[in-house]
Protein backbone atom coordinates (compact mmCIF):
# COMPACT_ATOMS: atom_id res chain seq x y z
CA MET A 1 2.12 -26.90 -3.96
CA ASN A 2 5.18 -24.64 -3.85
CA PRO A 3 4.82 -21.35 -5.76
CA ASN A 4 8.35 -20.27 -4.73
CA LEU A 5 7.36 -17.02 -3.05
CA PRO A 6 9.76 -14.22 -2.03
CA PRO A 7 10.40 -13.33 1.64
CA MET A 8 8.02 -10.35 1.37
CA ILE A 9 4.62 -10.28 -0.30
CA CYS A 10 1.81 -7.75 -0.84
CA PHE A 11 -1.26 -8.99 1.05
CA ARG A 12 -4.60 -7.47 0.08
CA VAL A 13 -6.90 -7.67 3.10
CA THR A 14 -9.82 -6.13 1.19
CA ARG A 15 -10.80 -4.67 -2.14
CA TYR A 16 -13.13 -2.17 -0.46
CA CYS A 17 -11.92 1.41 -0.22
CA ASN A 18 -12.93 4.79 1.20
CA ALA A 19 -11.49 6.71 -1.79
CA ARG A 20 -11.84 6.59 -5.55
CA CYS A 21 -8.35 7.27 -6.87
CA GLY A 22 -8.21 7.68 -10.63
CA PHE A 23 -4.91 5.77 -10.78
CA CYS A 24 -5.73 2.94 -8.32
CA LEU A 25 -3.88 -0.30 -9.10
CA ALA A 26 -6.46 -2.40 -7.20
CA PRO A 27 -9.86 -0.66 -7.32
CA PRO A 28 -12.88 -1.92 -5.34
CA ASP A 29 -14.27 -5.19 -6.69
CA GLY A 30 -16.39 -6.45 -3.77
CA ALA A 31 -13.84 -8.83 -2.22
CA HIS A 32 -13.74 -8.43 1.58
CA PRO A 33 -12.76 -11.72 3.30
CA PRO A 34 -13.50 -12.34 6.99
CA ALA A 35 -10.74 -12.29 9.58
CA THR A 36 -10.61 -16.07 9.98
CA VAL A 37 -9.90 -16.52 6.26
CA LEU A 38 -7.16 -13.87 6.33
CA MET A 39 -5.54 -15.53 9.36
CA GLN A 40 -5.50 -18.86 7.55
CA ARG A 41 -3.85 -17.24 4.52
CA LEU A 42 -1.18 -15.66 6.73
CA ASP A 43 -0.40 -19.09 8.20
CA TRP A 44 -0.16 -20.59 4.72
CA LEU A 45 2.25 -17.85 3.64
CA ALA A 46 4.40 -18.46 6.71
CA HIS A 47 4.57 -22.15 5.75
CA GLN A 48 5.77 -21.03 2.31
CA GLY A 49 8.65 -19.08 3.84
CA VAL A 50 7.16 -15.57 3.60
CA ARG A 51 8.47 -13.51 6.51
CA ILE A 52 7.29 -9.95 5.79
CA ILE A 53 3.65 -9.16 5.08
CA HIS A 54 2.97 -5.89 3.27
CA PHE A 55 -0.67 -5.15 4.09
CA CYS A 56 -2.42 -3.33 1.25
CA GLY A 57 -5.78 -3.15 -0.46
CA GLY A 58 -8.18 -1.66 -1.44
CA GLU A 59 -7.70 0.28 1.76
CA PRO A 60 -6.46 -2.02 4.55
CA THR A 61 -7.27 0.33 7.44
CA ILE A 62 -11.01 -0.09 6.87
CA HIS A 63 -10.82 -3.82 7.68
CA PRO A 64 -11.66 -4.01 11.41
CA ALA A 65 -9.44 -7.07 11.93
CA LEU A 66 -6.24 -5.33 10.83
CA PRO A 67 -4.92 -4.90 14.42
CA GLU A 68 -5.35 -8.65 15.02
CA LEU A 69 -3.70 -9.50 11.71
CA LEU A 70 -0.68 -7.34 12.58
CA ALA A 71 -0.42 -8.97 16.01
CA HIS A 72 -0.71 -12.43 14.43
CA VAL A 73 2.20 -11.81 12.09
CA GLU A 74 4.32 -10.34 14.88
CA SER A 75 3.54 -13.20 17.30
CA HIS A 76 4.82 -15.70 14.73
CA GLY A 77 8.12 -13.88 14.25
CA GLY A 78 7.22 -12.06 11.06
CA GLY A 79 7.52 -8.43 10.07
CA SER A 80 4.85 -6.17 8.64
CA ARG A 81 4.43 -3.14 6.43
CA LEU A 82 1.35 -1.13 5.61
CA THR A 83 0.42 1.14 2.73
CA THR A 84 -2.59 3.35 3.42
CA ASN A 85 -4.32 6.38 1.95
CA GLY A 86 -4.31 7.79 5.49
CA ILE A 87 -8.01 8.69 5.51
CA ALA A 88 -8.85 6.33 8.39
CA LEU A 89 -6.77 5.69 11.49
CA PRO A 90 -8.97 3.68 13.89
CA GLU A 91 -8.19 4.10 17.58
CA ARG A 92 -7.19 0.45 17.99
CA LEU A 93 -4.82 0.51 15.04
CA LEU A 94 -2.19 2.94 16.35
CA PRO A 95 -1.04 0.79 19.33
CA ALA A 96 -1.15 -2.32 17.12
CA LEU A 97 1.18 -0.70 14.60
CA ARG A 98 3.53 0.41 17.35
CA SER A 99 3.56 -3.00 19.03
CA ALA A 100 4.20 -4.83 15.75
CA ARG A 101 6.88 -2.29 14.73
CA THR A 102 5.11 -1.90 11.39
CA GLN A 103 6.59 0.37 8.75
CA VAL A 104 3.83 2.55 7.28
CA LYS A 105 3.58 4.35 3.95
CA VAL A 106 0.98 7.10 3.68
CA SER A 107 -0.13 8.02 0.16
CA LEU A 108 -0.05 11.77 -0.49
CA HIS A 109 0.00 13.09 -4.03
CA GLY A 110 0.60 16.83 -3.89
CA ASP A 111 -1.04 19.88 -2.35
CA ARG A 112 -4.60 19.83 -1.01
CA ALA A 113 -6.38 20.63 -4.27
CA HIS A 114 -4.32 18.24 -6.40
CA HIS A 115 -4.44 15.39 -3.87
CA ASP A 116 -8.19 15.63 -3.31
CA ALA A 117 -8.86 15.75 -7.05
CA LEU A 118 -6.82 12.60 -7.63
CA VAL A 119 -8.35 10.57 -4.79
CA GLY A 120 -11.91 11.65 -5.55
CA ARG A 121 -12.81 13.10 -2.15
CA ILE A 122 -11.73 15.59 0.50
CA ALA A 123 -8.82 13.71 2.06
CA PHE A 124 -5.60 15.74 2.22
CA ASP A 125 -6.11 17.14 5.71
CA LEU A 126 -7.06 13.74 7.14
CA ALA A 127 -4.11 11.98 5.53
CA SER A 128 -1.54 14.60 6.52
CA GLU A 129 -2.81 14.75 10.12
CA HIS A 130 -2.79 10.95 10.43
CA LEU A 131 0.77 10.97 9.09
CA ARG A 132 1.68 13.34 11.92
CA CYS A 133 -0.11 11.05 14.42
CA LEU A 134 2.00 8.10 13.25
CA LEU A 135 5.22 10.09 13.56
CA ARG A 136 4.29 11.38 17.03
CA ALA A 137 3.60 7.80 18.12
CA GLY A 138 7.10 6.76 17.09
CA ILE A 139 5.86 4.60 14.21
CA PRO A 140 8.24 4.60 11.21
CA ALA A 141 6.17 6.40 8.58
CA SER A 142 7.07 7.56 5.10
CA VAL A 143 5.21 9.08 2.15
CA GLN A 144 4.31 7.51 -1.17
CA THR A 145 3.39 9.75 -4.12
CA THR A 146 1.97 8.85 -7.51
CA ILE A 147 2.82 11.33 -10.26
CA VAL A 148 0.55 11.68 -13.27
CA ALA A 149 0.78 13.70 -16.48
CA ASP A 150 1.27 17.43 -15.88
CA GLY A 151 2.12 16.71 -12.26
CA TYR A 152 5.89 17.04 -12.44
CA TRP A 153 5.79 19.96 -9.97
CA VAL A 154 4.60 17.47 -7.35
CA LEU A 155 8.12 16.09 -6.83
CA ASP A 156 9.42 19.42 -5.51
CA TRP A 157 6.25 20.10 -3.52
CA MET A 158 6.27 16.71 -1.82
CA ALA A 159 9.98 16.92 -1.04
CA ASP A 160 9.42 20.28 0.69
CA PHE A 161 6.40 18.84 2.54
CA CYS A 162 8.40 15.85 3.80
CA LEU A 163 11.26 18.05 4.99
CA ALA A 164 8.83 20.31 6.85
CA GLU A 165 7.07 17.35 8.49
CA HIS A 166 10.35 15.55 9.35
CA VAL A 167 9.50 12.60 7.13
CA ARG A 168 12.68 10.73 6.27
CA GLN A 169 11.61 8.85 3.12
CA LEU A 170 9.62 9.73 0.00
CA SER A 171 8.76 7.12 -2.64
CA ILE A 172 7.84 8.38 -6.11
CA LEU A 173 5.57 6.19 -8.24
CA PRO A 174 5.03 7.02 -11.92
CA PHE A 175 1.48 6.44 -13.15
CA ILE A 176 0.77 2.88 -14.35
CA PRO A 177 -2.19 2.12 -16.65
CA ARG A 178 -3.65 -0.80 -14.73
CA GLY A 179 -6.71 -1.00 -12.49
CA SER A 180 -8.50 2.36 -12.56
CA GLY A 181 -5.52 3.70 -14.49
CA TYR A 182 -6.51 1.70 -17.55
CA ARG A 183 -9.59 3.90 -17.88
CA THR A 184 -7.80 7.18 -17.07
CA GLN A 185 -4.56 6.69 -18.99
CA GLY A 186 -5.64 9.22 -21.59
CA GLU A 187 -5.74 11.86 -18.86
CA TYR A 188 -2.99 10.68 -16.52
CA GLY A 189 -0.67 8.61 -18.70
CA LEU A 190 3.06 9.34 -19.06
CA THR A 191 4.89 8.87 -22.34
CA PRO A 192 8.16 6.90 -22.23
CA GLN A 193 10.01 10.18 -22.61
CA GLN A 194 8.08 11.78 -19.74
CA ARG A 195 8.67 8.76 -17.53
CA SER A 196 12.40 8.87 -18.31
CA ALA A 197 12.56 12.61 -17.59
CA LEU A 198 10.70 12.14 -14.30
CA ARG A 199 13.10 9.40 -13.25
CA GLU A 200 16.04 11.68 -13.99
CA SER A 201 14.41 14.46 -11.93
CA VAL A 202 14.01 12.03 -9.03
CA ARG A 203 17.67 11.04 -9.34
CA ARG A 204 18.78 14.68 -9.21
CA LYS A 205 16.48 15.48 -6.30
CA ARG A 206 17.69 12.43 -4.39
CA ARG A 207 21.29 13.52 -4.84
CA ALA A 208 20.53 17.12 -3.84
CA LEU A 209 18.75 16.06 -0.63
CA GLN A 210 21.05 13.18 0.31
CA GLY A 211 21.29 12.94 4.10
CA ARG A 212 18.09 14.97 4.59
CA LEU A 213 15.47 13.01 2.66
CA ASP A 214 15.70 9.54 1.13
CA ILE A 215 13.87 9.86 -2.21
CA ARG A 216 13.18 6.57 -3.98
CA TRP A 217 11.93 5.70 -7.46
CA LEU A 218 9.32 2.97 -7.16
CA ASP A 219 8.11 1.79 -10.56
CA PHE A 220 5.80 -1.22 -10.23
CA SER A 221 5.92 -1.73 -14.01
CA ALA A 222 9.66 -2.34 -13.97
CA ARG A 223 9.46 -5.77 -12.40
CA PRO A 224 6.57 -8.11 -11.47
CA LEU A 225 5.19 -7.95 -7.92
CA HIS A 226 3.99 -10.93 -5.88
CA VAL A 227 0.49 -10.26 -4.54
CA VAL A 228 -2.06 -12.22 -2.54
CA GLU A 229 -5.39 -10.96 -3.82
CA ALA A 230 -8.39 -10.52 -1.53
CA ASP A 231 -10.05 -13.49 -3.21
CA GLY A 232 -7.12 -15.77 -2.29
CA ARG A 233 -5.30 -15.87 -5.62
CA VAL A 234 -1.52 -15.53 -5.57
CA VAL A 235 -0.57 -13.43 -8.58
CA LEU A 236 2.64 -12.17 -10.13
CA GLU A 237 1.48 -8.70 -11.20
CA GLY A 238 2.98 -7.02 -14.24
CA ALA A 239 2.61 -3.58 -15.78
CA SER A 240 -0.93 -4.42 -16.90
CA GLU A 241 -3.54 -7.05 -16.05
CA SER A 242 -2.81 -8.81 -19.34
CA MET A 243 0.75 -9.40 -18.12
CA ASP A 244 -0.28 -10.95 -14.78
CA THR A 245 0.59 -14.56 -13.98
CA LEU A 246 -1.62 -16.65 -11.68
CA LEU A 247 0.71 -18.71 -9.49
CA CYS A 248 -1.90 -20.52 -7.39
CA THR A 249 -4.96 -20.04 -5.22
CA ILE A 250 -4.59 -20.49 -1.48
CA PRO A 251 -6.83 -23.43 -0.55
CA ALA A 252 -9.31 -22.91 2.26
CA ASP A 253 -7.99 -25.94 4.17
CA ALA A 254 -4.29 -25.40 3.48
CA VAL A 255 -3.33 -24.91 7.13
CA PRO A 256 -5.79 -26.23 9.71
CA ARG A 257 -6.43 -23.67 12.44
CA LYS A 258 -8.20 -23.63 15.74
CA ARG A 259 -11.08 -21.19 15.73
CA VAL A 260 -9.81 -17.82 16.98
CA ALA A 261 -11.77 -15.10 18.72
CA ILE A 262 -11.59 -11.86 16.77
CA GLN A 263 -12.24 -8.83 18.91
CA SER A 264 -13.78 -6.79 16.12
CA SER A 265 -16.49 -7.72 13.65
CA ASP A 266 -15.91 -8.23 9.96
CA ARG A 267 -18.01 -5.22 9.04
CA VAL A 268 -16.26 -2.56 7.01
CA MET A 269 -15.37 0.51 9.04
CA HIS A 270 -15.39 3.87 7.23
């Protein structure tokens, strides 16, 4: 079986989450595999030529085995990235990120009131402080921002925030009506004209702040994304679930492994 995977892939370690974002591309669905299963999948991906694992979710930081997973990828010569809502930063995770030289994206979506409304809980202060913790620890950390309808002011606000916090990169994501967004597209959806205008605003802002802040347009609907789902399916994700392509399912016995000792349990940590 050779699904012809790219060098980097999005790897969902869980579909549990500690937030309820109204635009979530991968909302909670009950899938939370144990560490041994995730290790086996990482080995299978390495055999397929994948060299960079982008840990995502759900919310990956609530899986207690994440430090071991990062170390496993690094010990086999691979690179790692992490996208997190920044709500949780377990004590063991910070040194693991630093040791693995993981690039981290923290999701922040505007000022305190706007951010907390979008993620469904009080979270802005936690996320912004954990972003500062990552930066103080010397971990390469950037910000990722989803912009919804009537949120065009967020681009300027987030750019100012990043400059003040000495963040070097800001990724702007336009709302996509998949996952939780399918239900909320009437409230959050962008028309094609609004999406085009937002992209032009990002282009102008990027040019104005060149050399001070790297602003990127990251539209997941523009091209399919390779994802390993928490249930083991390898999917080419499109702009909506109806456009997804199932490439394969990672077999449980694909790469025989010796039993490994995992320091932490497989209980979800909130």
